[in-house]
């Protein structure tokens, strides 16, 4: 990265997408400007709380299966 990010900006998102060679779909969808407009319209937070006792939810944030 050109610099250490300290906030979520369109430039930071672009830098991260380039670093990992991902398509910049955030920019294609309008970036932070579009996100701000969307938030002004209102959002609903939806949460799902659960536990996976068989594999301790390793599928979520690890290299699973081992």
Protein backbone atom coordinates (compact mmCIF):
# COMPACT_ATOMS: atom_id res chain seq x y z
CA UNK A 1 0.00 0.00 0.00
CA UNK A 2 1.23 3.52 -0.68
CA UNK A 3 0.48 4.52 2.92
CA UNK A 4 -1.04 3.05 6.07
CA UNK A 5 -4.81 3.58 5.92
CA UNK A 6 -6.40 5.44 8.82
CA UNK A 7 -9.89 5.74 7.34
CA UNK A 8 -12.07 4.15 4.68
CA UNK A 9 -11.71 6.32 1.58
CA UNK A 10 -12.27 5.57 -2.09
CA UNK A 11 -8.48 5.79 -2.54
CA UNK A 12 -7.85 3.27 0.26
CA UNK A 13 -10.43 0.87 -1.19
CA UNK A 14 -8.82 1.17 -4.62
CA UNK A 15 -5.36 0.55 -3.15
CA UNK A 16 -6.57 -2.60 -1.35
CA UNK A 17 -8.35 -3.90 -4.45
CA UNK A 18 -5.17 -3.35 -6.49
CA UNK A 19 -2.99 -4.98 -3.84
CA UNK A 20 -5.04 -8.18 -3.92
CA UNK A 21 -5.75 -7.92 -7.67
CA UNK A 22 -9.52 -7.82 -7.10
CA UNK A 23 -12.08 -6.16 -9.33
CA UNK A 24 -12.96 -2.75 -7.89
CA UNK A 25 -16.70 -3.32 -7.75
CA UNK A 26 -17.00 -0.79 -4.90
CA UNK A 27 -15.88 1.98 -7.26
CA UNK A 28 -18.07 0.65 -10.08
CA UNK A 29 -21.08 0.93 -7.73
CA UNK A 30 -20.31 4.55 -6.81
CA UNK A 31 -17.84 4.21 -3.94
CA UNK A 32 -18.31 6.12 -0.70
CA UNK A 33 -20.63 8.67 -2.31
CA UNK A 34 -23.12 5.93 -3.20
CA UNK A 35 -22.67 4.34 0.23
CA UNK A 36 -23.47 7.65 1.93
CA UNK A 37 -26.57 8.12 -0.20
CA UNK A 38 -27.67 4.58 0.65
CA UNK A 39 -27.14 5.15 4.38
CA UNK A 40 -29.20 8.35 4.21
CA UNK A 41 -32.14 6.27 2.95
CA UNK A 42 -31.82 4.00 5.99
CA UNK A 43 -30.65 0.46 6.62
CA UNK A 44 -31.83 -2.43 8.74
CA UNK A 45 -29.27 -4.39 10.73
CA UNK A 46 -29.87 -8.13 10.61
CA UNK A 47 -27.84 -10.48 12.79
CA UNK A 48 -27.66 -14.23 12.99
CA UNK A 49 -25.98 -15.61 16.11
CA UNK A 50 -25.10 -19.29 16.20
CA UNK A 51 -22.31 -21.75 16.85
CA UNK A 52 -20.99 -24.69 14.85
CA UNK A 53 -19.87 -27.27 17.43
CA UNK A 54 -18.59 -29.75 14.83
CA UNK A 55 -15.86 -27.58 13.29
CA UNK A 56 -15.91 -24.55 15.61
CA UNK A 57 -16.91 -22.26 12.72
CA UNK A 58 -13.52 -22.77 11.07
CA UNK A 59 -15.18 -22.46 7.64
CA UNK A 60 -15.79 -18.79 8.43
CA UNK A 61 -12.29 -17.42 8.83
CA UNK A 62 -9.67 -20.11 8.38
CA UNK A 63 -8.31 -22.71 6.00
CA UNK A 64 -10.98 -25.38 6.35
CA UNK A 65 -10.91 -28.27 5.94
CA UNK A 66 -7.45 -28.59 7.40
